[in-house]
């Protein structure tokens, strides 16, 4: 129980992490929930800086790329107390046709 509250950079947590198999590491990476951990003010500020650098990189790519080839904006680093962002719904061809019919006065 006390081990759970050690900082991730502690010797104990590092030794536990180093003892994991590649499969266990992959499972932890997929199921990680950084929003449930504790962050110091320094970690919060570092996350803000990382997000802003990623955003600047994205803007630089966008201004130098054709509109159709532009990447999606970067996801911000998940903060404690905030869940992952929900993805926006994508407009499929079927839903676009349905929308077009509704706009033209037809029933779906």
N, C-alpha and C. Protein backbone atom coordinates (compact mmCIF):
# COMPACT_ATOMS: atom_id res chain seq x y z
N UNK A 1 0.82 -1.19 0.00
CA UNK A 1 0.00 0.00 0.00
C UNK A 1 0.87 1.26 0.00
N UNK A 2 1.95 1.25 0.77
CA UNK A 2 2.82 2.42 0.80
C UNK A 2 3.55 2.60 -0.53
N UNK A 3 3.81 1.49 -1.21
CA UNK A 3 4.54 1.55 -2.48
C UNK A 3 3.75 2.32 -3.52
N UNK A 4 2.43 2.22 -3.50
CA UNK A 4 1.59 2.90 -4.49
C UNK A 4 1.77 4.40 -4.46
N UNK A 5 2.16 4.95 -3.31
CA UNK A 5 2.25 6.40 -3.17
C UNK A 5 3.67 6.94 -3.35
N UNK A 6 4.60 6.06 -3.71
CA UNK A 6 5.95 6.52 -3.99
C UNK A 6 5.97 7.26 -5.32
N UNK A 7 6.84 8.25 -5.45
CA UNK A 7 6.94 8.94 -6.75
C UNK A 7 7.48 7.98 -7.81
N UNK A 8 7.06 8.16 -9.06
CA UNK A 8 7.48 7.25 -10.12
C UNK A 8 8.99 7.20 -10.32
N UNK A 9 9.71 8.26 -9.95
CA UNK A 9 11.15 8.27 -10.15
C UNK A 9 11.92 7.67 -8.97
N UNK A 10 11.21 7.17 -7.95
CA UNK A 10 11.89 6.58 -6.80
C UNK A 10 12.61 5.30 -7.21
N UNK A 11 13.62 4.89 -6.41
CA UNK A 11 14.39 3.68 -6.71
C UNK A 11 13.49 2.45 -6.70
N UNK A 12 12.56 2.40 -5.77
CA UNK A 12 11.67 1.23 -5.67
C UNK A 12 10.79 1.11 -6.91
N UNK A 13 10.16 2.20 -7.32
CA UNK A 13 9.29 2.16 -8.50
C UNK A 13 10.10 1.86 -9.77
N UNK A 14 11.31 2.41 -9.84
CA UNK A 14 12.16 2.14 -11.00
C UNK A 14 12.53 0.66 -11.06
N UNK A 15 12.88 0.07 -9.91
CA UNK A 15 13.22 -1.35 -9.87
C UNK A 15 12.02 -2.21 -10.25
N UNK A 16 10.84 -1.84 -9.78
CA UNK A 16 9.63 -2.59 -10.14
C UNK A 16 9.35 -2.50 -11.64
N UNK A 17 9.52 -1.31 -12.20
CA UNK A 17 9.30 -1.10 -13.64
C UNK A 17 10.32 -1.89 -14.46
N UNK A 18 11.57 -1.88 -14.01
CA UNK A 18 12.63 -2.58 -14.75
C UNK A 18 12.44 -4.09 -14.72
N UNK A 19 11.71 -4.60 -13.75
CA UNK A 19 11.49 -6.04 -13.63
C UNK A 19 10.32 -6.52 -14.50
N UNK A 20 9.57 -5.61 -15.10
CA UNK A 20 8.42 -5.99 -15.92
C UNK A 20 8.86 -6.56 -17.26
N UNK A 21 8.08 -7.49 -17.78
CA UNK A 21 8.33 -8.03 -19.12
C UNK A 21 7.82 -7.03 -20.15
N UNK A 22 8.25 -7.14 -21.41
CA UNK A 22 7.74 -6.24 -22.45
C UNK A 22 6.21 -6.29 -22.58
N UNK A 23 5.63 -7.47 -22.38
CA UNK A 23 4.16 -7.61 -22.46
C UNK A 23 3.48 -6.84 -21.32
N UNK A 24 4.06 -6.93 -20.12
CA UNK A 24 3.49 -6.21 -18.98
C UNK A 24 3.62 -4.70 -19.18
N UNK A 25 4.75 -4.27 -19.72
CA UNK A 25 4.93 -2.83 -20.00
C UNK A 25 3.91 -2.34 -21.02
N UNK A 26 3.68 -3.14 -22.07
CA UNK A 26 2.71 -2.76 -23.10
C UNK A 26 1.31 -2.67 -22.51
N UNK A 27 0.97 -3.62 -21.64
CA UNK A 27 -0.36 -3.60 -21.00
C UNK A 27 -0.52 -2.38 -20.11
N UNK A 28 0.53 -2.02 -19.39
CA UNK A 28 0.45 -0.82 -18.54
C UNK A 28 0.36 0.44 -19.38
N UNK A 29 1.06 0.47 -20.50
CA UNK A 29 1.02 1.66 -21.36
C UNK A 29 -0.38 1.86 -21.92
N UNK A 30 -1.03 0.77 -22.31
CA UNK A 30 -2.39 0.87 -22.87
C UNK A 30 -3.40 1.24 -21.80
N UNK A 31 -3.23 0.73 -20.59
CA UNK A 31 -4.21 0.96 -19.53
C UNK A 31 -3.84 2.09 -18.60
N UNK A 32 -2.80 2.85 -18.95
CA UNK A 32 -2.36 3.93 -18.07
C UNK A 32 -3.41 5.01 -17.90
N UNK A 33 -3.50 5.54 -16.70
CA UNK A 33 -4.46 6.60 -16.40
C UNK A 33 -3.75 7.73 -15.65
N UNK A 34 -2.97 8.55 -16.38
CA UNK A 34 -2.23 9.62 -15.71
C UNK A 34 -3.14 10.62 -15.01
N UNK A 35 -4.38 10.70 -15.44
CA UNK A 35 -5.28 11.66 -14.80
C UNK A 35 -5.63 11.27 -13.37
N UNK A 36 -5.32 10.04 -12.97
CA UNK A 36 -5.61 9.60 -11.60
C UNK A 36 -4.40 9.73 -10.67
N UNK A 37 -3.28 10.17 -11.20
CA UNK A 37 -2.08 10.28 -10.37
C UNK A 37 -1.95 11.70 -9.81
N UNK A 38 -0.95 11.88 -8.96
CA UNK A 38 -0.69 13.20 -8.39
C UNK A 38 0.40 13.87 -9.19
N UNK A 39 0.23 15.15 -9.51
CA UNK A 39 1.24 15.90 -10.23
C UNK A 39 1.63 17.13 -9.41
N UNK A 40 2.92 17.43 -9.42
CA UNK A 40 3.39 18.65 -8.76
C UNK A 40 3.14 19.83 -9.70
N UNK A 41 3.34 21.02 -9.17
CA UNK A 41 3.17 22.21 -9.99
C UNK A 41 4.17 22.21 -11.15
N UNK A 42 5.38 21.70 -10.90
CA UNK A 42 6.39 21.62 -11.95
C UNK A 42 5.92 20.71 -13.08
N UNK A 43 5.34 19.56 -12.72
CA UNK A 43 4.84 18.63 -13.74
C UNK A 43 3.69 19.24 -14.53
N UNK A 44 2.83 19.99 -13.85
CA UNK A 44 1.72 20.66 -14.54
C UNK A 44 2.27 21.68 -15.54
N UNK A 45 3.23 22.47 -15.11
CA UNK A 45 3.81 23.48 -16.01
C UNK A 45 4.55 22.83 -17.18
N UNK A 46 5.24 21.74 -16.92
CA UNK A 46 5.94 21.03 -17.98
C UNK A 46 4.96 20.49 -19.01
N UNK A 47 3.81 20.00 -18.56
CA UNK A 47 2.79 19.50 -19.48
C UNK A 47 2.25 20.63 -20.35
N UNK A 48 2.08 21.82 -19.76
CA UNK A 48 1.61 22.98 -20.53
C UNK A 48 2.64 23.33 -21.61
N UNK A 49 3.90 23.35 -21.24
CA UNK A 49 4.95 23.67 -22.21
C UNK A 49 4.98 22.63 -23.33
N UNK A 50 4.90 21.35 -22.96
CA UNK A 50 4.91 20.28 -23.98
C UNK A 50 3.71 20.42 -24.92
N UNK A 51 2.53 20.74 -24.37
CA UNK A 51 1.35 20.92 -25.21
C UNK A 51 1.52 22.09 -26.17
N UNK A 52 2.10 23.17 -25.68
CA UNK A 52 2.26 24.35 -26.53
C UNK A 52 3.32 24.13 -27.62
N UNK A 53 4.36 23.40 -27.29
CA UNK A 53 5.37 23.08 -28.31
C UNK A 53 4.75 22.18 -29.39
N UNK A 54 3.96 21.19 -28.95
CA UNK A 54 3.30 20.31 -29.92
C UNK A 54 2.34 21.11 -30.80
N UNK A 55 1.65 22.07 -30.21
CA UNK A 55 0.72 22.90 -30.98
C UNK A 55 1.47 23.77 -31.99
N UNK A 56 2.61 24.35 -31.58
CA UNK A 56 3.42 25.14 -32.51
C UNK A 56 3.94 24.29 -33.65
N UNK A 57 4.37 23.08 -33.35
CA UNK A 57 4.83 22.17 -34.39
C UNK A 57 3.71 21.86 -35.37
N UNK A 58 2.50 21.64 -34.85
CA UNK A 58 1.34 21.36 -35.69
C UNK A 58 1.02 22.56 -36.60
N UNK A 59 1.06 23.76 -36.04
CA UNK A 59 0.79 24.97 -36.82
C UNK A 59 1.82 25.11 -37.93
N UNK A 60 3.08 24.87 -37.60
CA UNK A 60 4.15 24.97 -38.61
C UNK A 60 3.92 23.97 -39.74
N UNK A 61 3.53 22.76 -39.39
CA UNK A 61 3.24 21.76 -40.42
C UNK A 61 2.05 22.20 -41.27
N UNK A 62 1.01 22.73 -40.63
CA UNK A 62 -0.20 23.14 -41.35
C UNK A 62 0.06 24.27 -42.34
N UNK A 63 0.86 25.25 -41.96
CA UNK A 63 1.10 26.37 -42.88
C UNK A 63 2.00 25.98 -44.04
N UNK A 64 2.67 24.85 -43.94
CA UNK A 64 3.56 24.39 -45.00
C UNK A 64 3.04 23.14 -45.72
N UNK A 65 1.77 22.83 -45.53
CA UNK A 65 1.17 21.63 -46.12
C UNK A 65 -0.15 22.01 -46.77
N UNK A 66 -0.50 21.31 -47.85
CA UNK A 66 -1.80 21.53 -48.47
C UNK A 66 -2.91 21.15 -47.50
N UNK A 67 -4.05 21.80 -47.65
CA UNK A 67 -5.14 21.64 -46.70
C UNK A 67 -5.59 20.20 -46.54
N UNK A 68 -5.65 19.43 -47.62
CA UNK A 68 -6.14 18.05 -47.54
C UNK A 68 -5.16 17.12 -46.85
N UNK A 69 -3.90 17.49 -46.76
CA UNK A 69 -2.89 16.62 -46.17
C UNK A 69 -2.52 17.00 -44.74
N UNK A 70 -3.19 17.98 -44.18
CA UNK A 70 -2.85 18.44 -42.83
C UNK A 70 -3.22 17.40 -41.78
N UNK A 71 -2.35 17.22 -40.79
CA UNK A 71 -2.66 16.26 -39.73
C UNK A 71 -3.68 16.82 -38.75
N UNK A 72 -4.23 15.95 -37.94
CA UNK A 72 -5.14 16.38 -36.87
C UNK A 72 -4.34 17.14 -35.83
N UNK A 73 -4.98 18.06 -35.10
CA UNK A 73 -4.25 18.77 -34.05
C UNK A 73 -3.79 17.79 -32.97
N UNK A 74 -2.71 18.11 -32.28
CA UNK A 74 -2.19 17.20 -31.26
C UNK A 74 -3.11 17.12 -30.05
N UNK A 75 -3.13 15.94 -29.43
CA UNK A 75 -3.89 15.75 -28.20
C UNK A 75 -3.07 16.30 -27.04
N UNK A 76 -3.68 17.07 -26.15
CA UNK A 76 -2.92 17.54 -24.98
C UNK A 76 -2.61 16.38 -24.03
N UNK A 77 -1.57 16.54 -23.25
CA UNK A 77 -1.21 15.53 -22.26
C UNK A 77 -2.32 15.47 -21.22
N UNK A 78 -2.74 14.25 -20.88
CA UNK A 78 -3.81 14.09 -19.90
C UNK A 78 -3.33 14.53 -18.52
N UNK A 79 -4.13 15.34 -17.87
CA UNK A 79 -3.80 15.87 -16.54
C UNK A 79 -4.57 15.11 -15.47
N UNK A 80 -4.06 15.14 -14.23
CA UNK A 80 -4.81 14.53 -13.13
C UNK A 80 -6.17 15.20 -12.99
N UNK A 81 -7.19 14.38 -12.80
CA UNK A 81 -8.54 14.90 -12.61
C UNK A 81 -9.28 15.15 -13.90
N UNK A 82 -8.67 14.90 -15.04
CA UNK A 82 -9.33 15.13 -16.33
C UNK A 82 -9.26 13.84 -17.14
N UNK A 83 -10.39 13.37 -17.59
CA UNK A 83 -10.44 12.16 -18.40
C UNK A 83 -9.96 12.42 -19.81
N UNK A 84 -9.77 11.38 -20.59
CA UNK A 84 -9.35 11.57 -21.98
C UNK A 84 -10.44 12.27 -22.78
N UNK A 85 -10.04 13.03 -23.77
CA UNK A 85 -11.00 13.73 -24.62
C UNK A 85 -11.77 12.74 -25.47
N UNK A 86 -13.03 13.04 -25.67
CA UNK A 86 -13.84 12.20 -26.54
C UNK A 86 -13.56 12.59 -27.99
N UNK A 87 -13.46 11.59 -28.84
CA UNK A 87 -13.17 11.88 -30.24
C UNK A 87 -14.43 12.43 -30.91
N UNK A 88 -14.22 13.28 -31.89
CA UNK A 88 -15.34 13.86 -32.63
C UNK A 88 -15.89 12.82 -33.60
N UNK A 89 -17.18 12.85 -33.78
CA UNK A 89 -17.81 11.92 -34.71
C UNK A 89 -17.39 12.25 -36.13
N UNK A 90 -17.10 11.22 -36.90
CA UNK A 90 -16.70 11.39 -38.29
C UNK A 90 -17.93 11.27 -39.19
N UNK A 91 -18.01 12.11 -40.19
CA UNK A 91 -19.12 12.09 -41.12
C UNK A 91 -18.86 11.02 -42.17
N UNK A 92 -19.66 9.96 -42.13
CA UNK A 92 -19.51 8.88 -43.11
C UNK A 92 -20.31 9.23 -44.37
N UNK A 93 -20.08 8.48 -45.42
CA UNK A 93 -20.79 8.73 -46.67
C UNK A 93 -22.30 8.52 -46.48
N UNK A 94 -22.66 7.49 -45.72
CA UNK A 94 -24.08 7.20 -45.48
C UNK A 94 -24.74 8.34 -44.69
N UNK A 95 -24.07 8.80 -43.62
CA UNK A 95 -24.66 9.89 -42.84
C UNK A 95 -24.68 11.20 -43.63
N UNK A 96 -23.71 11.40 -44.53
CA UNK A 96 -23.70 12.60 -45.37
C UNK A 96 -24.88 12.57 -46.34
N UNK A 97 -25.18 11.39 -46.91
CA UNK A 97 -26.32 11.27 -47.81
C UNK A 97 -27.63 11.51 -47.06
N UNK A 98 -27.73 10.97 -45.85
CA UNK A 98 -28.93 11.18 -45.03
C UNK A 98 -29.11 12.66 -44.72
N UNK A 99 -28.02 13.32 -44.35
CA UNK A 99 -28.07 14.74 -44.05
C UNK A 99 -28.48 15.54 -45.29
N UNK A 100 -27.95 15.19 -46.43
CA UNK A 100 -28.28 15.87 -47.66
C UNK A 100 -29.78 15.72 -47.99
N UNK A 101 -30.33 14.50 -47.79
CA UNK A 101 -31.74 14.27 -48.02
C UNK A 101 -32.59 15.11 -47.06
N UNK A 102 -32.17 15.19 -45.81
CA UNK A 102 -32.93 16.00 -44.85
C UNK A 102 -32.89 17.48 -45.20
N UNK A 103 -31.74 17.95 -45.67
CA UNK A 103 -31.62 19.36 -46.04
C UNK A 103 -32.45 19.68 -47.27
N UNK A 104 -32.65 18.70 -48.13
CA UNK A 104 -33.44 18.92 -49.34
C UNK A 104 -34.93 18.67 -49.10
N UNK A 105 -35.31 18.47 -47.86
CA UNK A 105 -36.72 18.32 -47.53
C UNK A 105 -37.24 16.90 -47.55
N UNK A 106 -36.39 15.92 -47.79
CA UNK A 106 -36.83 14.52 -47.83
C UNK A 106 -36.78 13.91 -46.44
N UNK A 107 -37.51 12.84 -46.28
CA UNK A 107 -37.51 12.12 -45.01
C UNK A 107 -36.41 11.09 -45.03
N UNK A 108 -35.80 10.87 -43.87
CA UNK A 108 -34.70 9.91 -43.77
C UNK A 108 -35.21 8.50 -43.65
